[in-house]
N, C-alpha and C. Protein backbone atom coordinates (compact mmCIF):
# COMPACT_ATOMS: atom_id res chain seq x y z
N MET A 1 54.56 65.80 -78.69
CA MET A 1 53.96 63.96 -78.74
C MET A 1 52.64 63.53 -78.29
N ALA A 2 52.70 62.17 -78.95
CA ALA A 2 51.33 62.10 -78.80
C ALA A 2 51.29 61.09 -77.00
N LEU A 3 50.00 60.95 -76.65
CA LEU A 3 49.85 60.17 -75.28
C LEU A 3 49.74 59.59 -75.87
N LEU A 4 50.06 57.91 -74.90
CA LEU A 4 49.97 56.31 -75.52
C LEU A 4 49.10 56.02 -74.25
N PRO A 5 47.59 55.43 -74.53
CA PRO A 5 46.81 54.88 -74.19
C PRO A 5 47.00 54.18 -72.50
N THR A 6 46.51 54.58 -71.61
CA THR A 6 46.81 54.41 -70.57
C THR A 6 46.09 52.47 -70.16
N ASN A 7 46.44 51.76 -69.23
CA ASN A 7 45.82 50.75 -68.81
C ASN A 7 44.39 50.42 -68.31
N LYS A 8 43.84 51.83 -68.19
CA LYS A 8 42.31 51.92 -67.93
C LYS A 8 41.47 52.10 -69.41
N SER A 9 41.97 53.16 -70.01
CA SER A 9 41.82 53.25 -71.03
C SER A 9 41.06 51.84 -72.06
N ASN A 10 42.52 51.30 -72.25
CA ASN A 10 42.48 49.71 -72.67
C ASN A 10 41.56 48.81 -72.48
N ALA A 11 40.95 48.38 -71.11
CA ALA A 11 40.16 48.08 -70.50
C ALA A 11 39.29 48.84 -70.83
N LYS A 12 38.70 49.93 -71.47
CA LYS A 12 37.28 50.12 -71.77
C LYS A 12 36.81 49.67 -73.41
N LYS A 13 38.43 49.97 -74.07
CA LYS A 13 38.15 49.45 -75.12
C LYS A 13 37.72 47.24 -75.25
N ALA A 14 38.12 46.99 -74.23
CA ALA A 14 38.27 45.24 -74.15
C ALA A 14 36.88 45.01 -74.21
N GLN A 15 36.27 45.90 -72.93
CA GLN A 15 34.89 45.75 -72.78
C GLN A 15 34.45 45.87 -73.57
N ALA A 16 34.05 47.16 -74.13
CA ALA A 16 33.20 47.11 -75.43
C ALA A 16 33.64 46.33 -76.71
N SER A 17 34.44 45.70 -76.73
CA SER A 17 34.50 45.21 -77.81
C SER A 17 33.77 43.59 -77.50
N SER A 18 34.21 43.15 -76.20
CA SER A 18 33.39 41.71 -75.71
C SER A 18 32.02 41.72 -76.36
N VAL A 19 31.31 43.18 -75.55
CA VAL A 19 30.08 42.87 -75.75
C VAL A 19 29.85 42.95 -77.41
N ALA A 20 29.89 44.29 -78.00
CA ALA A 20 30.04 44.01 -79.32
C ALA A 20 29.49 42.56 -80.57
N LYS A 21 30.72 41.70 -79.67
CA LYS A 21 30.64 39.99 -80.64
C LYS A 21 30.16 39.07 -79.39
N PRO A 22 29.59 38.47 -80.14
CA PRO A 22 28.61 37.52 -79.37
C PRO A 22 29.74 36.25 -79.37
N GLU A 23 29.95 35.44 -77.99
CA GLU A 23 30.32 34.60 -77.97
C GLU A 23 29.75 33.15 -78.78
N ARG A 24 31.46 31.98 -78.96
CA ARG A 24 30.72 30.94 -79.59
C ARG A 24 30.44 30.01 -78.61
N LYS A 25 29.58 29.61 -78.58
CA LYS A 25 29.03 28.31 -78.01
C LYS A 25 28.91 27.03 -78.44
N ASN A 26 29.25 26.78 -79.33
CA ASN A 26 28.91 25.53 -79.52
C ASN A 26 30.60 25.32 -80.15
N ASN A 27 32.04 25.63 -80.87
CA ASN A 27 32.68 25.26 -80.80
C ASN A 27 34.01 26.14 -81.22
N PRO A 28 34.68 26.88 -79.98
CA PRO A 28 35.15 27.82 -80.20
C PRO A 28 36.97 27.55 -81.49
N ASP A 29 36.98 26.65 -81.36
CA ASP A 29 37.80 26.07 -82.02
C ASP A 29 37.54 26.48 -83.94
N ILE A 30 36.49 26.09 -84.25
CA ILE A 30 35.82 25.82 -85.67
C ILE A 30 36.49 27.17 -86.40
N ARG A 31 36.89 27.04 -87.67
CA ARG A 31 37.22 27.83 -88.50
C ARG A 31 36.71 27.93 -89.66
N PRO A 32 36.08 28.96 -90.68
CA PRO A 32 35.75 28.53 -92.15
C PRO A 32 36.23 27.71 -93.01
N SER A 33 37.69 27.64 -92.89
CA SER A 33 38.51 26.93 -93.04
C SER A 33 38.04 24.97 -92.77
N ASP A 34 37.94 25.02 -91.86
CA ASP A 34 36.91 23.22 -91.86
C ASP A 34 36.00 23.38 -92.10
N ILE A 35 34.85 24.31 -92.74
CA ILE A 35 33.60 23.70 -93.28
C ILE A 35 34.51 23.34 -94.86
N LYS A 36 33.65 22.02 -95.26
CA LYS A 36 33.77 21.52 -96.45
C LYS A 36 32.37 20.80 -97.06
N ILE A 37 32.38 21.51 -97.88
CA ILE A 37 30.75 21.35 -98.48
C ILE A 37 30.86 20.85 -99.76
N ASN A 38 30.04 19.31 -100.18
CA ASN A 38 30.51 18.58 -101.32
C ASN A 38 28.92 18.38 -101.94
N ASP A 39 29.09 18.45 -103.01
CA ASP A 39 28.12 18.73 -103.82
C ASP A 39 27.83 16.87 -104.31
N ASP A 40 26.54 17.10 -103.66
CA ASP A 40 26.57 15.50 -103.86
C ASP A 40 25.18 15.17 -104.80
N THR A 41 25.48 16.16 -105.37
CA THR A 41 24.13 16.37 -106.41
C THR A 41 24.85 16.66 -108.02
N LYS A 42 24.29 15.72 -108.32
CA LYS A 42 24.97 16.61 -109.58
C LYS A 42 23.88 15.82 -111.11
N VAL A 43 23.54 17.10 -111.52
CA VAL A 43 22.47 16.94 -112.78
C VAL A 43 22.85 17.00 -114.16
N THR A 44 23.04 16.08 -114.69
CA THR A 44 23.10 16.11 -116.11
C THR A 44 21.96 16.12 -116.72
N TYR A 45 21.62 16.73 -117.89
CA TYR A 45 20.26 16.44 -119.15
C TYR A 45 21.19 16.03 -120.42
N GLY A 46 20.40 14.96 -120.77
CA GLY A 46 20.61 14.24 -121.76
C GLY A 46 21.85 13.10 -121.62
N ASP A 47 22.61 12.49 -123.47
CA ASP A 47 23.64 12.04 -123.02
C ASP A 47 24.97 13.00 -123.04
N LYS A 48 24.58 13.95 -123.71
CA LYS A 48 26.31 15.06 -124.28
C LYS A 48 25.56 15.72 -123.27
N VAL A 49 27.08 16.69 -122.34
CA VAL A 49 26.84 17.78 -121.34
C VAL A 49 27.67 18.65 -123.18
N TYR A 50 26.34 19.61 -122.64
CA TYR A 50 27.34 20.75 -123.37
C TYR A 50 27.68 22.06 -122.67
N LYS A 51 28.85 22.91 -123.44
CA LYS A 51 29.63 24.08 -122.44
C LYS A 51 28.43 25.19 -123.13
N ALA A 52 28.46 26.09 -122.23
CA ALA A 52 27.66 27.29 -122.20
C ALA A 52 28.57 28.12 -123.65
N SER A 53 29.54 27.57 -123.97
CA SER A 53 30.25 28.37 -125.13
C SER A 53 29.75 28.03 -126.67
N GLU A 54 29.17 26.52 -126.47
CA GLU A 54 29.09 26.06 -127.60
C GLU A 54 27.58 25.91 -127.43
N ARG A 55 27.01 26.64 -126.97
CA ARG A 55 25.56 27.08 -127.15
C ARG A 55 25.45 28.34 -127.96
N GLN A 56 24.33 28.34 -128.90
CA GLN A 56 23.78 29.42 -129.79
C GLN A 56 22.55 29.98 -129.72
N SER A 57 22.54 31.28 -129.92
CA SER A 57 21.10 31.83 -129.38
C SER A 57 20.71 31.71 -130.78
N ILE A 58 19.12 32.24 -129.89
CA ILE A 58 18.26 31.81 -131.70
C ILE A 58 17.25 33.58 -131.09
N ARG A 59 16.79 34.02 -132.24
CA ARG A 59 15.91 34.84 -131.88
C ARG A 59 14.36 34.78 -131.79
N VAL A 60 13.87 35.47 -130.67
CA VAL A 60 12.16 34.91 -130.73
C VAL A 60 11.76 36.48 -130.44
N ASP A 61 10.66 36.69 -130.84
CA ASP A 61 9.52 37.73 -129.88
C ASP A 61 10.02 38.00 -128.75
N PRO A 62 9.82 39.03 -128.23
CA PRO A 62 9.71 39.67 -126.57
C PRO A 62 8.41 38.08 -125.79
N PRO A 63 7.30 38.74 -126.46
CA PRO A 63 6.22 37.20 -125.26
C PRO A 63 6.97 35.94 -125.78
N VAL A 64 7.21 35.66 -126.24
CA VAL A 64 7.78 34.18 -126.87
C VAL A 64 9.03 33.92 -125.66
N LEU A 65 9.48 34.68 -125.90
CA LEU A 65 11.37 34.71 -124.72
C LEU A 65 10.45 34.75 -123.08
N LYS A 66 9.83 35.98 -123.13
CA LYS A 66 8.90 35.96 -121.51
C LYS A 66 8.02 34.07 -121.17
N MET A 67 7.75 34.26 -122.25
CA MET A 67 7.33 33.08 -121.57
C MET A 67 7.77 31.75 -121.83
N ILE A 68 9.17 31.80 -122.69
CA ILE A 68 10.23 30.55 -122.11
C ILE A 68 10.64 30.77 -120.91
N SER A 69 11.06 32.43 -120.79
CA SER A 69 12.18 32.23 -119.37
C SER A 69 11.14 32.43 -117.81
N ASN A 70 9.23 32.55 -118.15
CA ASN A 70 8.31 32.17 -117.06
C ASN A 70 8.77 30.58 -116.76
N LEU A 71 8.46 29.95 -117.75
CA LEU A 71 7.91 28.49 -117.76
C LEU A 71 9.29 27.64 -117.22
N SER A 72 10.26 28.06 -117.84
CA SER A 72 11.71 27.87 -117.21
C SER A 72 11.97 28.24 -115.38
N TYR A 73 11.13 29.03 -115.60
CA TYR A 73 11.30 29.42 -113.75
C TYR A 73 10.42 28.80 -112.77
N ALA A 74 9.17 28.27 -113.66
CA ALA A 74 8.30 27.66 -112.90
C ALA A 74 8.50 26.21 -112.83
N LYS A 75 9.45 25.62 -113.45
CA LYS A 75 9.72 24.53 -113.39
C LYS A 75 11.34 24.80 -113.41
N ASP A 76 11.91 25.17 -112.92
CA ASP A 76 13.23 25.06 -112.29
C ASP A 76 14.47 24.52 -113.64
N ILE A 77 14.12 24.42 -114.38
CA ILE A 77 14.93 24.18 -115.58
C ILE A 77 15.66 25.27 -116.54
N PRO A 78 16.43 25.05 -116.67
CA PRO A 78 17.22 25.90 -117.59
C PRO A 78 16.60 26.58 -118.69
N MET A 79 16.45 27.62 -119.11
CA MET A 79 15.74 28.16 -120.88
C MET A 79 15.73 26.81 -121.80
N TYR A 80 17.20 26.92 -121.79
CA TYR A 80 17.90 26.40 -123.68
C TYR A 80 16.91 24.72 -122.80
N LYS A 81 17.52 23.87 -121.91
CA LYS A 81 16.24 22.86 -121.48
C LYS A 81 15.00 22.71 -121.84
N MET A 82 14.57 24.33 -121.21
CA MET A 82 12.68 24.02 -121.66
C MET A 82 12.57 24.67 -123.38
N VAL A 83 13.36 25.24 -123.80
CA VAL A 83 13.42 24.83 -125.68
C VAL A 83 13.19 23.46 -125.88
N GLU A 84 14.26 22.77 -125.55
CA GLU A 84 14.89 21.22 -126.48
C GLU A 84 13.40 20.11 -125.21
N VAL A 85 12.75 20.59 -124.65
CA VAL A 85 11.72 19.66 -124.23
C VAL A 85 10.29 20.25 -125.10
N ALA A 86 10.65 21.62 -125.28
CA ALA A 86 9.22 22.03 -126.40
C ALA A 86 9.05 21.17 -127.17
N MET A 87 10.88 21.41 -128.22
CA MET A 87 10.66 20.69 -129.64
C MET A 87 10.71 19.78 -129.27
N GLN A 88 11.08 18.72 -128.40
CA GLN A 88 11.13 17.75 -128.16
C GLN A 88 9.24 16.58 -128.50
N ALA A 89 8.93 17.22 -127.35
CA ALA A 89 7.03 17.70 -127.47
C ALA A 89 6.36 18.12 -128.85
N TYR A 90 7.19 18.53 -129.62
CA TYR A 90 6.91 18.85 -131.04
C TYR A 90 6.98 17.90 -132.11
N LEU A 91 7.75 17.45 -131.90
CA LEU A 91 8.12 16.17 -132.72
C LEU A 91 7.38 15.10 -132.95
N GLY A 92 6.77 15.26 -131.81
CA GLY A 92 5.91 14.25 -131.57
C GLY A 92 4.81 14.45 -132.30
N THR A 93 4.35 15.77 -132.70
CA THR A 93 2.90 15.95 -133.46
C THR A 93 3.18 15.82 -135.10
N LEU A 94 4.12 15.33 -135.09
CA LEU A 94 4.80 15.79 -136.85
C LEU A 94 3.58 14.48 -137.32
N THR A 95 3.14 14.63 -138.84
CA THR A 95 1.99 13.57 -139.38
C THR A 95 3.83 13.07 -139.90
N GLU A 96 4.01 11.73 -140.48
CA GLU A 96 4.52 10.77 -141.49
C GLU A 96 5.18 11.54 -142.49
N SER A 97 4.44 12.28 -143.57
CA SER A 97 5.52 13.10 -144.27
C SER A 97 6.58 14.10 -143.73
N GLU A 98 5.48 14.91 -142.54
CA GLU A 98 6.19 16.01 -141.91
C GLU A 98 8.24 15.34 -141.81
N ARG A 99 7.50 14.12 -140.92
CA ARG A 99 8.63 13.21 -140.15
C ARG A 99 9.46 13.11 -141.07
N ARG A 100 9.42 12.05 -142.35
CA ARG A 100 10.32 12.28 -143.51
C ARG A 100 11.36 13.74 -143.70
N ILE A 101 10.55 14.50 -144.21
CA ILE A 101 11.05 15.86 -144.30
C ILE A 101 11.94 15.89 -143.27
N TYR A 102 11.47 16.02 -141.81
CA TYR A 102 12.70 16.40 -140.67
C TYR A 102 13.85 15.51 -140.79
N ASP A 103 14.06 14.04 -140.92
CA ASP A 103 14.41 13.01 -140.81
C ASP A 103 15.33 13.49 -141.87
N ALA A 104 15.28 13.56 -143.20
CA ALA A 104 16.03 13.53 -144.45
C ALA A 104 17.25 14.89 -143.47
N LYS A 105 16.38 16.29 -143.67
CA LYS A 105 17.01 17.41 -143.61
C LYS A 105 17.71 16.88 -141.99
N ASN A 106 17.39 16.43 -141.23
CA ASN A 106 18.25 16.36 -139.92
C ASN A 106 19.62 14.91 -140.06
N ASP A 107 19.58 14.39 -141.02
CA ASP A 107 20.57 13.36 -141.60
C ASP A 107 21.71 14.27 -142.81
N LYS A 108 20.90 15.42 -143.10
CA LYS A 108 21.86 16.20 -144.19
C LYS A 108 22.85 16.69 -142.59
N ILE A 109 22.60 17.39 -141.65
CA ILE A 109 23.40 18.09 -140.46
C ILE A 109 23.88 17.36 -139.77
N ASN A 110 23.73 16.16 -139.43
CA ASN A 110 24.45 15.00 -138.90
C ASN A 110 25.47 14.13 -139.88
């Protein structure tokens, strides 16, 4: 039969546990359930918001992927948005004849 702990041993354990735990100075009644974080910044890119399942992958060479990844990290925007920005910038460089070809192809897709 095991011996039950005495009051003396309980007092030693209580003293040891009180040393290990710092006391709450601000508000002892606050609990994690009392803390609520509201997301007050909602960032959306463009008019339509696509789901991750709707996005499709593209195949690029490893150096190009590294460049896109590094630029998206530096600018703090997602990689798919970085590609969109680059394509919009490239569209601005099209000649008139290239622009007509692009618009004709784009009209067939839409």
